[in-house]
């Protein structure tokens, strides 16, 4: 009841409102519990990832989660589902302090990005993988240190995750990610300054009835060389990366297209026959064709008429010689008949 204002305090507030003066209420008068708390603003924690870059992260890692689900399902022989929980910006010290112990930290290099990236696997998710590779069952104790054999198994799975990581980024920039080392203690994974802003992507991975977390830490210094390519507007304006690979891919596709086999079939003019004639056909019977010797045959490509050809021989084989090309207008007339 001490927080209720007295009649004198109410009269004082009403008087200050009437005169336009602000009445200062002492913390003691208000009980001290309703005093406003002011938090100092630290300019070092200002957001340095623009919204366009965060949108790019959402697009890339949505693709990555789908690819990772398929890859883990094939490697572990169990249905896996990956879901992005959040993509947020924080300082590296906040990310490092939130890591459990023990933990699996994969230090990765991803040129043309600068420095290193971190892929973090929670103990629950790590032991889910270990248990599955050792024959299944529950994950068991999650607080003990990882053995060398367990880390070797986890490294194999991490290499699979790195392969799809490059594939998810391929539409934005071409990465050549490789695993540098694996750490189990956060104090040995100082990849950037404590106050450096980082983008943390947290994913929840469900395997059967169990689930665990996996996160990826991307420092701001790492994306500086490719910052302009992370702008989604550049994708639609046609100003995306042009490193010469587009021309090479076009040449490869052109060569493969020119070497693609297609069926060619030569047709005589149609000859009508009744069902009775077909039923009564015997060996040695002759079918009269309504096709003149001087009239060329029609060559179809996938049932589409394209050429006119004359019948002949080449050595000991029958052959066709192209005598005319069916234009598109003629082709349409031929099809509609």
C-alpha atoms as a PDB file:
ATOM      1  CA  UNK A   1       0.000   0.000   0.000  1.00  0.00           C
ATOM      2  CA  UNK A   2       3.044   2.274   0.257  1.00  0.00           C
ATOM      3  CA  UNK A   3       3.007   2.762  -3.548  1.00  0.00           C
ATOM      4  CA  UNK A   4      -0.369   4.558  -3.433  1.00  0.00           C
ATOM      5  CA  UNK A   5      -0.036   8.351  -3.587  1.00  0.00           C
ATOM      6  CA  UNK A   6      -1.396  10.406  -0.748  1.00  0.00           C
ATOM      7  CA  UNK A   7      -3.988  13.151  -1.265  1.00  0.00           C
ATOM      8  CA  UNK A   8      -1.302  15.826  -0.852  1.00  0.00           C
ATOM      9  CA  UNK A   9       0.842  14.245  -3.589  1.00  0.00           C
ATOM     10  CA  UNK A  10      -2.171  14.005  -5.902  1.00  0.00           C
ATOM     11  CA  UNK A  11      -2.979  17.690  -5.334  1.00  0.00           C
ATOM     12  CA  UNK A  12       0.647  18.601  -6.050  1.00  0.00           C
ATOM     13  CA  UNK A  13       0.605  16.691  -9.377  1.00  0.00           C
ATOM     14  CA  UNK A  14      -2.657  18.267 -10.437  1.00  0.00           C
ATOM     15  CA  UNK A  15      -1.314  21.708  -9.576  1.00  0.00           C
ATOM     16  CA  UNK A  16       1.832  21.176 -11.626  1.00  0.00           C
ATOM     17  CA  UNK A  17      -0.250  20.067 -14.627  1.00  0.00           C
ATOM     18  CA  UNK A  18      -2.412  23.184 -14.377  1.00  0.00           C
ATOM     19  CA  UNK A  19       0.617  25.525 -14.218  1.00  0.00           C
ATOM     20  CA  UNK A  20       2.608  23.561 -16.838  1.00  0.00           C
ATOM     21  CA  UNK A  21       5.436  22.799 -14.448  1.00  0.00           C
ATOM     22  CA  UNK A  22       6.778  19.299 -14.005  1.00  0.00           C
ATOM     23  CA  UNK A  23       6.682  18.126 -10.452  1.00  0.00           C
ATOM     24  CA  UNK A  24       9.691  16.104  -9.463  1.00  0.00           C
ATOM     25  CA  UNK A  25       8.666  13.104  -7.409  1.00  0.00           C
ATOM     26  CA  UNK A  26      11.424  11.730  -5.272  1.00  0.00           C
ATOM     27  CA  UNK A  27      12.174   8.014  -5.411  1.00  0.00           C
ATOM     28  CA  UNK A  28      11.365   7.835  -1.740  1.00  0.00           C
ATOM     29  CA  UNK A  29       7.884   9.280  -2.346  1.00  0.00           C
ATOM     30  CA  UNK A  30       7.128   6.728  -5.029  1.00  0.00           C
ATOM     31  CA  UNK A  31       8.516   3.820  -3.087  1.00  0.00           C
ATOM     32  CA  UNK A  32      11.722   3.646  -5.202  1.00  0.00           C
ATOM     33  CA  UNK A  33      10.487   0.666  -7.253  1.00  0.00           C
ATOM     34  CA  UNK A  34       9.040   2.644 -10.195  1.00  0.00           C
ATOM     35  CA  UNK A  35      12.190   4.610 -10.912  1.00  0.00           C
ATOM     36  CA  UNK A  36      13.099   4.510 -14.620  1.00  0.00           C
ATOM     37  CA  UNK A  37      16.209   2.503 -15.443  1.00  0.00           C
ATOM     38  CA  UNK A  38      18.453   4.034 -18.079  1.00  0.00           C
ATOM     39  CA  UNK A  39      20.760   1.850 -20.129  1.00  0.00           C
ATOM     40  CA  UNK A  40      23.869   3.363 -21.637  1.00  0.00           C
ATOM     41  CA  UNK A  41      24.209   2.994 -25.406  1.00  0.00           C
ATOM     42  CA  UNK A  42      27.409   1.395 -26.592  1.00  0.00           C
ATOM     43  CA  UNK A  43      28.344   2.605 -30.084  1.00  0.00           C
ATOM     44  CA  UNK A  44      30.599  -0.405 -30.530  1.00  0.00           C
ATOM     45  CA  UNK A  45      27.531  -2.644 -30.676  1.00  0.00           C
ATOM     46  CA  UNK A  46      25.840  -0.732 -33.511  1.00  0.00           C
ATOM     47  CA  UNK A  47      24.456  -2.890 -36.313  1.00  0.00           C
ATOM     48  CA  UNK A  48      26.955  -3.258 -39.130  1.00  0.00           C
ATOM     49  CA  UNK A  49      25.102  -5.827 -41.236  1.00  0.00           C
ATOM     50  CA  UNK A  50      22.712  -3.979 -43.596  1.00  0.00           C
ATOM     51  CA  UNK A  51      19.228  -5.346 -44.121  1.00  0.00           C
ATOM     52  CA  UNK A  52      20.097  -6.403 -47.663  1.00  0.00           C
ATOM     53  CA  UNK A  53      22.895  -8.623 -46.382  1.00  0.00           C
ATOM     54  CA  UNK A  54      20.634 -10.143 -43.742  1.00  0.00           C
ATOM     55  CA  UNK A  55      18.074 -10.917 -46.454  1.00  0.00           C
ATOM     56  CA  UNK A  56      20.801 -12.636 -48.435  1.00  0.00           C
ATOM     57  CA  UNK A  57      21.696 -14.718 -45.392  1.00  0.00           C
ATOM     58  CA  UNK A  58      18.055 -15.763 -45.098  1.00  0.00           C
ATOM     59  CA  UNK A  59      17.931 -16.866 -48.753  1.00  0.00           C
ATOM     60  CA  UNK A  60      21.270 -18.691 -48.647  1.00  0.00           C
ATOM     61  CA  UNK A  61      20.730 -20.501 -45.366  1.00  0.00           C
ATOM     62  CA  UNK A  62      17.175 -21.495 -46.219  1.00  0.00           C
ATOM     63  CA  UNK A  63      18.713 -23.297 -49.182  1.00  0.00           C
ATOM     64  CA  UNK A  64      21.488 -24.638 -46.961  1.00  0.00           C
ATOM     65  CA  UNK A  65      19.015 -26.076 -44.447  1.00  0.00           C
ATOM     66  CA  UNK A  66      17.204 -27.964 -47.213  1.00  0.00           C
ATOM     67  CA  UNK A  67      20.416 -29.313 -48.713  1.00  0.00           C
ATOM     68  CA  UNK A  68      21.746 -30.264 -45.295  1.00  0.00           C
ATOM     69  CA  UNK A  69      18.543 -32.154 -44.481  1.00  0.00           C
ATOM     70  CA  UNK A  70      18.922 -34.255 -47.615  1.00  0.00           C
ATOM     71  CA  UNK A  71      22.638 -34.849 -47.090  1.00  0.00           C
ATOM     72  CA  UNK A  72      22.298 -35.873 -43.430  1.00  0.00           C
ATOM     73  CA  UNK A  73      19.411 -38.175 -44.288  1.00  0.00           C
ATOM     74  CA  UNK A  74      21.543 -39.968 -46.871  1.00  0.00           C
ATOM     75  CA  UNK A  75      24.689 -40.140 -44.707  1.00  0.00           C
ATOM     76  CA  UNK A  76      23.031 -41.159 -41.434  1.00  0.00           C
ATOM     77  CA  UNK A  77      20.280 -43.308 -43.030  1.00  0.00           C
ATOM     78  CA  UNK A  78      17.585 -41.617 -40.988  1.00  0.00           C
ATOM     79  CA  UNK A  79      15.066 -38.863 -41.687  1.00  0.00           C
ATOM     80  CA  UNK A  80      16.548 -35.476 -40.730  1.00  0.00           C
ATOM     81  CA  UNK A  81      14.839 -32.105 -40.776  1.00  0.00           C
ATOM     82  CA  UNK A  82      16.676 -28.773 -40.498  1.00  0.00           C
ATOM     83  CA  UNK A  83      14.847 -25.611 -39.544  1.00  0.00           C
ATOM     84  CA  UNK A  84      16.261 -22.097 -39.204  1.00  0.00           C
ATOM     85  CA  UNK A  85      15.384 -20.663 -35.812  1.00  0.00           C
ATOM     86  CA  UNK A  86      16.989 -17.236 -36.082  1.00  0.00           C
ATOM     87  CA  UNK A  87      19.518 -15.118 -37.955  1.00  0.00           C
ATOM     88  CA  UNK A  88      20.756 -12.368 -35.666  1.00  0.00           C
ATOM     89  CA  UNK A  89      23.641  -9.968 -35.252  1.00  0.00           C
ATOM     90  CA  UNK A  90      25.650  -9.832 -32.040  1.00  0.00           C
ATOM     91  CA  UNK A  91      29.226  -9.383 -30.874  1.00  0.00           C
ATOM     92  CA  UNK A  92      31.638 -12.276 -31.024  1.00  0.00           C
ATOM     93  CA  UNK A  93      32.078 -12.224 -27.246  1.00  0.00           C
ATOM     94  CA  UNK A  94      28.323 -12.767 -26.798  1.00  0.00           C
ATOM     95  CA  UNK A  95      28.407 -15.694 -29.200  1.00  0.00           C
ATOM     96  CA  UNK A  96      31.483 -17.174 -27.527  1.00  0.00           C
ATOM     97  CA  UNK A  97      30.067 -16.825 -24.012  1.00  0.00           C
ATOM     98  CA  UNK A  98      26.850 -18.607 -25.008  1.00  0.00           C
ATOM     99  CA  UNK A  99      28.662 -21.768 -26.136  1.00  0.00           C
ATOM    100  CA  UNK A 100      28.322 -24.850 -23.924  1.00  0.00           C
ATOM    101  CA  UNK A 101      31.226 -27.015 -22.788  1.00  0.00           C
ATOM    102  CA  UNK A 102      32.072 -29.409 -24.309  1.00  0.00           C
ATOM    103  CA  UNK A 103      31.116 -28.318 -27.812  1.00  0.00           C
ATOM    104  CA  UNK A 104      32.197 -29.100 -31.360  1.00  0.00           C
ATOM    105  CA  UNK A 105      33.537 -26.020 -33.143  1.00  0.00           C
ATOM    106  CA  UNK A 106      34.538 -26.415 -36.780  1.00  0.00           C
ATOM    107  CA  UNK A 107      36.907 -23.635 -37.854  1.00  0.00           C
ATOM    108  CA  UNK A 108      36.459 -23.150 -41.599  1.00  0.00           C
ATOM    109  CA  UNK A 109      38.142 -21.113 -44.297  1.00  0.00           C
ATOM    110  CA  UNK A 110      35.910 -19.958 -47.144  1.00  0.00           C
ATOM    111  CA  UNK A 111      37.838 -17.976 -49.780  1.00  0.00           C
ATOM    112  CA  UNK A 112      37.190 -15.353 -51.127  1.00  0.00           C
ATOM    113  CA  UNK A 113      35.928 -14.467 -47.649  1.00  0.00           C
ATOM    114  CA  UNK A 114      38.504 -13.179 -45.186  1.00  0.00           C
ATOM    115  CA  UNK A 115      39.589 -15.023 -42.079  1.00  0.00           C
ATOM    116  CA  UNK A 116      37.590 -17.914 -40.675  1.00  0.00           C
ATOM    117  CA  UNK A 117      34.015 -18.979 -40.042  1.00  0.00           C
ATOM    118  CA  UNK A 118      32.727 -21.192 -37.236  1.00  0.00           C
ATOM    119  CA  UNK A 119      30.204 -24.003 -37.464  1.00  0.00           C
ATOM    120  CA  UNK A 120      29.063 -24.983 -33.981  1.00  0.00           C
ATOM    121  CA  UNK A 121      27.378 -28.287 -33.125  1.00  0.00           C
ATOM    122  CA  UNK A 122      25.698 -28.614 -29.759  1.00  0.00           C
ATOM    123  CA  UNK A 123      26.557 -31.647 -27.581  1.00  0.00           C
ATOM    124  CA  UNK A 124      23.053 -33.025 -28.139  1.00  0.00           C
ATOM    125  CA  UNK A 125      23.395 -32.912 -31.921  1.00  0.00           C
ATOM    126  CA  UNK A 126      26.966 -34.245 -31.816  1.00  0.00           C
ATOM    127  CA  UNK A 127      26.007 -37.273 -29.746  1.00  0.00           C
ATOM    128  CA  UNK A 128      22.972 -37.836 -31.959  1.00  0.00           C
ATOM    129  CA  UNK A 129      25.376 -38.276 -34.878  1.00  0.00           C
ATOM    130  CA  UNK A 130      27.792 -40.432 -32.877  1.00  0.00           C
ATOM    131  CA  UNK A 131      25.000 -42.660 -31.601  1.00  0.00           C
ATOM    132  CA  UNK A 132      23.573 -43.072 -35.092  1.00  0.00           C
ATOM    133  CA  UNK A 133      26.938 -43.959 -36.646  1.00  0.00           C
ATOM    134  CA  UNK A 134      27.611 -46.478 -33.881  1.00  0.00           C
ATOM    135  CA  UNK A 135      24.378 -48.316 -34.490  1.00  0.00           C
ATOM    136  CA  UNK A 136      21.536 -46.184 -33.174  1.00  0.00           C
ATOM    137  CA  UNK A 137      19.876 -45.797 -29.808  1.00  0.00           C
ATOM    138  CA  UNK A 138      19.649 -42.771 -27.536  1.00  0.00           C
ATOM    139  CA  UNK A 139      22.327 -40.101 -27.401  1.00  0.00           C
ATOM    140  CA  UNK A 140      23.152 -40.822 -23.766  1.00  0.00           C
ATOM    141  CA  UNK A 141      25.401 -38.608 -21.656  1.00  0.00           C
ATOM    142  CA  UNK A 142      26.102 -35.203 -23.233  1.00  0.00           C
ATOM    143  CA  UNK A 143      28.499 -33.715 -20.691  1.00  0.00           C
ATOM    144  CA  UNK A 144      31.568 -35.888 -21.163  1.00  0.00           C
ATOM    145  CA  UNK A 145      34.483 -34.932 -23.379  1.00  0.00           C
ATOM    146  CA  UNK A 146      34.651 -36.216 -26.929  1.00  0.00           C
ATOM    147  CA  UNK A 147      37.135 -38.963 -27.741  1.00  0.00           C
ATOM    148  CA  UNK A 148      39.406 -38.994 -30.781  1.00  0.00           C
ATOM    149  CA  UNK A 149      37.285 -41.645 -32.469  1.00  0.00           C
ATOM    150  CA  UNK A 150      34.114 -39.619 -31.924  1.00  0.00           C
ATOM    151  CA  UNK A 151      35.745 -36.472 -33.301  1.00  0.00           C
ATOM    152  CA  UNK A 152      36.893 -38.423 -36.363  1.00  0.00           C
ATOM    153  CA  UNK A 153      33.305 -39.490 -37.040  1.00  0.00           C
ATOM    154  CA  UNK A 154      32.012 -35.965 -36.548  1.00  0.00           C
ATOM    155  CA  UNK A 155      34.680 -34.650 -38.935  1.00  0.00           C
ATOM    156  CA  UNK A 156      33.344 -36.913 -41.694  1.00  0.00           C
ATOM    157  CA  UNK A 157      29.854 -35.493 -41.228  1.00  0.00           C
ATOM    158  CA  UNK A 158      31.218 -31.929 -41.127  1.00  0.00           C
ATOM    159  CA  UNK A 159      32.935 -32.457 -44.473  1.00  0.00           C
ATOM    160  CA  UNK A 160      29.577 -33.451 -45.934  1.00  0.00           C
ATOM    161  CA  UNK A 161      27.995 -30.302 -44.471  1.00  0.00           C
ATOM    162  CA  UNK A 162      30.778 -28.169 -45.968  1.00  0.00           C
ATOM    163  CA  UNK A 163      30.072 -29.573 -49.438  1.00  0.00           C
ATOM    164  CA  UNK A 164      26.450 -28.431 -49.344  1.00  0.00           C
ATOM    165  CA  UNK A 165      27.556 -25.134 -47.752  1.00  0.00           C
ATOM    166  CA  UNK A 166      29.414 -24.229 -50.944  1.00  0.00           C
ATOM    167  CA  UNK A 167      26.451 -25.403 -53.017  1.00  0.00           C
ATOM    168  CA  UNK A 168      24.062 -23.135 -51.105  1.00  0.00           C
ATOM    169  CA  UNK A 169      26.302 -20.113 -51.687  1.00  0.00           C
ATOM    170  CA  UNK A 170      26.941 -20.880 -55.349  1.00  0.00           C
ATOM    171  CA  UNK A 171      24.158 -18.628 -56.682  1.00  0.00           C
ATOM    172  CA  UNK A 172      25.594 -15.656 -54.788  1.00  0.00           C
ATOM    173  CA  UNK A 173      29.366 -16.169 -54.720  1.00  0.00           C
ATOM    174  CA  UNK A 174      31.609 -19.107 -55.415  1.00  0.00           C
ATOM    175  CA  UNK A 175      33.153 -20.377 -52.181  1.00  0.00           C
ATOM    176  CA  UNK A 176      35.912 -22.930 -51.696  1.00  0.00           C
ATOM    177  CA  UNK A 177      35.270 -23.871 -48.096  1.00  0.00           C
ATOM    178  CA  UNK A 178      37.558 -26.281 -46.300  1.00  0.00           C
ATOM    179  CA  UNK A 179      37.768 -27.493 -42.723  1.00  0.00           C
ATOM    180  CA  UNK A 180      40.775 -26.002 -40.956  1.00  0.00           C
ATOM    181  CA  UNK A 181      40.485 -27.673 -37.542  1.00  0.00           C
ATOM    182  CA  UNK A 182      38.040 -28.853 -34.885  1.00  0.00           C
ATOM    183  CA  UNK A 183      38.002 -27.450 -31.341  1.00  0.00           C
ATOM    184  CA  UNK A 184      36.023 -28.586 -28.308  1.00  0.00           C
ATOM    185  CA  UNK A 185      36.650 -25.516 -26.136  1.00  0.00           C
ATOM    186  CA  UNK A 186      35.473 -21.970 -26.986  1.00  0.00           C
ATOM    187  CA  UNK A 187      38.670 -20.393 -25.628  1.00  0.00           C
ATOM    188  CA  UNK A 188      40.686 -21.958 -28.472  1.00  0.00           C
ATOM    189  CA  UNK A 189      38.367 -20.593 -31.191  1.00  0.00           C
ATOM    190  CA  UNK A 190      39.105 -16.862 -31.145  1.00  0.00           C
ATOM    191  CA  UNK A 191      38.688 -16.124 -34.832  1.00  0.00           C
ATOM    192  CA  UNK A 192      38.082 -12.374 -34.438  1.00  0.00           C
ATOM    193  CA  UNK A 193      38.074  -9.562 -31.881  1.00  0.00           C
ATOM    194  CA  UNK A 194      35.594  -9.881 -28.981  1.00  0.00           C
ATOM    195  CA  UNK A 195      33.750  -6.682 -29.956  1.00  0.00           C
ATOM    196  CA  UNK A 196      33.581  -7.573 -33.642  1.00  0.00           C
ATOM    197  CA  UNK A 197      29.955  -7.940 -34.901  1.00  0.00           C
ATOM    198  CA  UNK A 198      29.031 -11.354 -36.239  1.00  0.00           C
ATOM    199  CA  UNK A 199      25.961 -12.857 -37.885  1.00  0.00           C
ATOM    200  CA  UNK A 200      24.825 -16.001 -36.084  1.00  0.00           C
ATOM    201  CA  UNK A 201      22.562 -18.449 -37.892  1.00  0.00           C
ATOM    202  CA  UNK A 202      20.920 -20.951 -35.531  1.00  0.00           C
ATOM    203  CA  UNK A 203      19.309 -24.116 -36.911  1.00  0.00           C
ATOM    204  CA  UNK A 204      17.368 -26.832 -35.153  1.00  0.00           C
ATOM    205  CA  UNK A 205      18.013 -30.330 -36.509  1.00  0.00           C
ATOM    206  CA  UNK A 206      15.498 -33.055 -35.745  1.00  0.00           C
ATOM    207  CA  UNK A 207      16.528 -36.677 -36.108  1.00  0.00           C
ATOM    208  CA  UNK A 208      13.711 -39.046 -35.252  1.00  0.00           C
ATOM    209  CA  UNK A 209      12.442 -38.086 -31.810  1.00  0.00           C
ATOM    210  CA  UNK A 210      15.631 -36.216 -30.839  1.00  0.00           C
ATOM    211  CA  UNK A 211      16.743 -32.726 -31.787  1.00  0.00           C
ATOM    212  CA  UNK A 212      19.819 -30.562 -31.403  1.00  0.00           C
ATOM    213  CA  UNK A 213      21.141 -27.174 -32.417  1.00  0.00           C
ATOM    214  CA  UNK A 214      23.699 -26.183 -35.004  1.00  0.00           C
ATOM    215  CA  UNK A 215      24.847 -22.620 -35.561  1.00  0.00           C
ATOM    216  CA  UNK A 216      27.144 -20.845 -37.996  1.00  0.00           C
ATOM    217  CA  UNK A 217      29.053 -17.700 -37.050  1.00  0.00           C
ATOM    218  CA  UNK A 218      30.001 -15.311 -39.880  1.00  0.00           C
ATOM    219  CA  UNK A 219      32.180 -12.358 -38.748  1.00  0.00           C
ATOM    220  CA  UNK A 220      31.643  -8.990 -40.381  1.00  0.00           C
ATOM    221  CA  UNK A 221      35.299  -8.829 -41.403  1.00  0.00           C
ATOM    222  CA  UNK A 222      34.877 -12.085 -43.338  1.00  0.00           C
ATOM    223  CA  UNK A 223      32.282 -10.703 -45.768  1.00  0.00           C
ATOM    224  CA  UNK A 224      34.018  -7.371 -46.456  1.00  0.00           C
ATOM    225  CA  UNK A 225      35.628  -8.573 -49.739  1.00  0.00           C
ATOM    226  CA  UNK A 226      32.253  -9.777 -51.058  1.00  0.00           C
ATOM    227  CA  UNK A 227      29.940  -7.246 -49.394  1.00  0.00           C
ATOM    228  CA  UNK A 228      28.692  -5.790 -52.689  1.00  0.00           C
ATOM    229  CA  UNK A 229      27.749  -9.227 -54.005  1.00  0.00           C
ATOM    230  CA  UNK A 230      25.517  -9.867 -50.981  1.00  0.00           C
ATOM    231  CA  UNK A 231      23.073  -7.184 -52.122  1.00  0.00           C
ATOM    232  CA  UNK A 232      19.914  -8.868 -53.410  1.00  0.00           C
ATOM    233  CA  UNK A 233      19.200  -5.950 -55.748  1.00  0.00           C
ATOM    234  CA  UNK A 234      22.268  -6.841 -57.778  1.00  0.00           C
ATOM    235  CA  UNK A 235      20.814 -10.270 -58.526  1.00  0.00           C
ATOM    236  CA  UNK A 236      17.804  -8.788 -60.309  1.00  0.00           C
ATOM    237  CA  UNK A 237      19.683  -5.924 -61.969  1.00  0.00           C
ATOM    238  CA  UNK A 238      22.014  -8.328 -63.710  1.00  0.00           C
ATOM    239  CA  UNK A 239      25.045  -6.924 -61.906  1.00  0.00           C
ATOM    240  CA  UNK A 240      25.864 -10.161 -60.165  1.00  0.00           C
ATOM    241  CA  UNK A 241      29.303 -11.714 -60.286  1.00  0.00           C
ATOM    242  CA  UNK A 242      30.889 -12.234 -63.666  1.00  0.00           C
ATOM    243  CA  UNK A 243      34.072 -14.210 -63.200  1.00  0.00           C
ATOM    244  CA  UNK A 244      34.124 -15.809 -66.647  1.00  0.00           C
ATOM    245  CA  UNK A 245      32.376 -18.971 -65.513  1.00  0.00           C
ATOM    246  CA  UNK A 246      29.106 -18.035 -67.235  1.00  0.00           C
ATOM    247  CA  UNK A 247      30.763 -18.074 -70.647  1.00  0.00           C
ATOM    248  CA  UNK A 248      32.486 -21.361 -69.917  1.00  0.00           C
ATOM    249  CA  UNK A 249      29.253 -22.948 -68.778  1.00  0.00           C
ATOM    250  CA  UNK A 250      27.494 -21.709 -71.924  1.00  0.00           C
ATOM    251  CA  UNK A 251      30.190 -23.309 -74.095  1.00  0.00           C
ATOM    252  CA  UNK A 252      29.892 -26.601 -72.239  1.00  0.00           C
ATOM    253  CA  UNK A 253      26.113 -26.593 -72.591  1.00  0.00           C
ATOM    254  CA  UNK A 254      26.411 -25.773 -76.285  1.00  0.00           C
ATOM    255  CA  UNK A 255      28.818 -28.667 -76.864  1.00  0.00           C
ATOM    256  CA  UNK A 256      26.608 -31.079 -74.960  1.00  0.00           C
ATOM    257  CA  UNK A 257      23.554 -29.892 -76.872  1.00  0.00           C
ATOM    258  CA  UNK A 258      25.250 -30.364 -80.243  1.00  0.00           C
ATOM    259  CA  UNK A 259      26.289 -33.901 -79.248  1.00  0.00           C
ATOM    260  CA  UNK A 260      22.821 -34.884 -78.039  1.00  0.00           C
ATOM    261  CA  UNK A 261      21.418 -37.750 -80.183  1.00  0.00           C
ATOM    262  CA  UNK A 262      17.927 -37.330 -81.649  1.00  0.00           C
ATOM    263  CA  UNK A 263      15.895 -39.968 -83.527  1.00  0.00           C
ATOM    264  CA  UNK A 264      15.307 -39.475 -87.276  1.00  0.00           C
ATOM    265  CA  UNK A 265      12.502 -41.431 -88.952  1.00  0.00           C
ATOM    266  CA  UNK A 266      11.597 -41.518 -92.667  1.00  0.00           C
ATOM    267  CA  UNK A 267       7.906 -41.912 -93.573  1.00  0.00           C
ATOM    268  CA  UNK A 268       6.167 -42.871 -96.801  1.00  0.00           C
ATOM    269  CA  UNK A 269       2.849 -41.317 -97.704  1.00  0.00           C
ATOM    270  CA  UNK A 270      -0.031 -42.800 -95.737  1.00  0.00           C
ATOM    271  CA  UNK A 271      -1.780 -45.842 -97.185  1.00  0.00           C
ATOM    272  CA  UNK A 272      -5.312 -46.554 -95.975  1.00  0.00           C
ATOM    273  CA  UNK A 273      -6.200 -50.075 -94.898  1.00  0.00           C
ATOM    274  CA  UNK A 274      -9.185 -51.594 -93.190  1.00  0.00           C
ATOM    275  CA  UNK A 275      -9.103 -53.723 -90.051  1.00  0.00           C
ATOM    276  CA  UNK A 276     -10.206 -56.653 -92.153  1.00  0.00           C
ATOM    277  CA  UNK A 277      -7.167 -56.200 -94.416  1.00  0.00           C
ATOM    278  CA  UNK A 278      -4.832 -56.152 -91.416  1.00  0.00           C
ATOM    279  CA  UNK A 279      -6.407 -59.253 -89.863  1.00  0.00           C
ATOM    280  CA  UNK A 280      -6.151 -61.221 -93.111  1.00  0.00           C
ATOM    281  CA  UNK A 281      -2.528 -60.371 -93.850  1.00  0.00           C
ATOM    282  CA  UNK A 282      -0.352 -63.425 -94.436  1.00  0.00           C
ATOM    283  CA  UNK A 283       3.308 -64.035 -95.038  1.00  0.00           C
ATOM    284  CA  UNK A 284       4.157 -63.068 -98.633  1.00  0.00           C
ATOM    285  CA  UNK A 285       1.305 -60.575 -99.029  1.00  0.00           C
ATOM    286  CA  UNK A 286       2.169 -57.298-100.730  1.00  0.00           C
ATOM    287  CA  UNK A 287       0.943 -53.936 -99.475  1.00  0.00           C
ATOM    288  CA  UNK A 288       0.543 -51.356-102.197  1.00  0.00           C
ATOM    289  CA  UNK A 289       1.806 -47.934-101.148  1.00  0.00           C
ATOM    290  CA  UNK A 290       0.258 -44.718-102.413  1.00  0.00           C
ATOM    291  CA  UNK A 291       3.707 -43.244-102.804  1.00  0.00           C
ATOM    292  CA  UNK A 292       5.288 -42.409-106.151  1.00  0.00           C
ATOM    293  CA  UNK A 293       8.898 -43.388-106.765  1.00  0.00           C
ATOM    294  CA  UNK A 294       9.759 -39.804-107.685  1.00  0.00           C
ATOM    295  CA  UNK A 295       8.067 -38.375-104.586  1.00  0.00           C
ATOM    296  CA  UNK A 296      10.464 -37.684-101.653  1.00  0.00           C
ATOM    297  CA  UNK A 297      10.000 -39.171 -98.218  1.00  0.00           C
ATOM    298  CA  UNK A 298       9.300 -37.092 -95.113  1.00  0.00           C
ATOM    299  CA  UNK A 299      11.924 -37.167 -92.361  1.00  0.00           C
ATOM    300  CA  UNK A 300      10.607 -36.487 -88.890  1.00  0.00           C
ATOM    301  CA  UNK A 301      12.591 -35.502 -85.805  1.00  0.00           C
ATOM    302  CA  UNK A 302      10.717 -36.609 -82.716  1.00  0.00           C
ATOM    303  CA  UNK A 303       7.513 -36.889 -84.787  1.00  0.00           C
ATOM    304  CA  UNK A 304       7.971 -33.370 -86.164  1.00  0.00           C
ATOM    305  CA  UNK A 305       8.459 -33.136 -89.979  1.00  0.00           C
ATOM    306  CA  UNK A 306      11.727 -31.344 -90.771  1.00  0.00           C
ATOM    307  CA  UNK A 307      13.122 -32.558 -94.139  1.00  0.00           C
ATOM    308  CA  UNK A 308      12.258 -34.098 -97.520  1.00  0.00           C
ATOM    309  CA  UNK A 309      14.597 -36.836 -98.727  1.00  0.00           C
ATOM    310  CA  UNK A 310      15.122 -39.150-101.670  1.00  0.00           C
ATOM    311  CA  UNK A 311      15.730 -42.878-101.201  1.00  0.00           C
ATOM    312  CA  UNK A 312      19.016 -44.380-102.329  1.00  0.00           C
ATOM    313  CA  UNK A 313      21.909 -46.559-101.251  1.00  0.00           C
ATOM    314  CA  UNK A 314      25.317 -45.873 -99.782  1.00  0.00           C
ATOM    315  CA  UNK A 315      27.458 -48.951-100.151  1.00  0.00           C
ATOM    316  CA  UNK A 316      25.430 -51.904 -98.904  1.00  0.00           C
ATOM    317  CA  UNK A 317      23.026 -49.786 -96.846  1.00  0.00           C
ATOM    318  CA  UNK A 318      19.919 -47.828 -97.646  1.00  0.00           C
ATOM    319  CA  UNK A 319      20.380 -44.088 -97.394  1.00  0.00           C
ATOM    320  CA  UNK A 320      18.449 -40.833 -97.638  1.00  0.00           C
ATOM    321  CA  UNK A 321      19.544 -37.655 -99.365  1.00  0.00           C
ATOM    322  CA  UNK A 322      18.072 -34.365 -98.105  1.00  0.00           C
ATOM    323  CA  UNK A 323      16.404 -32.567-101.002  1.00  0.00           C
ATOM    324  CA  UNK A 324      14.305 -29.988 -99.155  1.00  0.00           C
ATOM    325  CA  UNK A 325      13.889 -28.391 -95.743  1.00  0.00           C
ATOM    326  CA  UNK A 326      10.370 -28.053 -94.416  1.00  0.00           C
ATOM    327  CA  UNK A 327       9.799 -24.488 -93.294  1.00  0.00           C
ATOM    328  CA  UNK A 328       7.822 -23.706 -90.164  1.00  0.00           C
ATOM    329  CA  UNK A 329       4.748 -22.631 -92.124  1.00  0.00           C
ATOM    330  CA  UNK A 330       4.792 -25.815 -94.175  1.00  0.00           C
ATOM    331  CA  UNK A 331       5.380 -27.830 -91.031  1.00  0.00           C
ATOM    332  CA  UNK A 332       2.278 -26.373 -89.386  1.00  0.00           C
ATOM    333  CA  UNK A 333       0.236 -27.153 -92.480  1.00  0.00           C
ATOM    334  CA  UNK A 334       1.583 -30.693 -92.492  1.00  0.00           C
ATOM    335  CA  UNK A 335       0.702 -31.245 -88.832  1.00  0.00           C
ATOM    336  CA  UNK A 336      -2.831 -29.897 -89.159  1.00  0.00           C
ATOM    337  CA  UNK A 337      -3.690 -32.233 -92.016  1.00  0.00           C
END
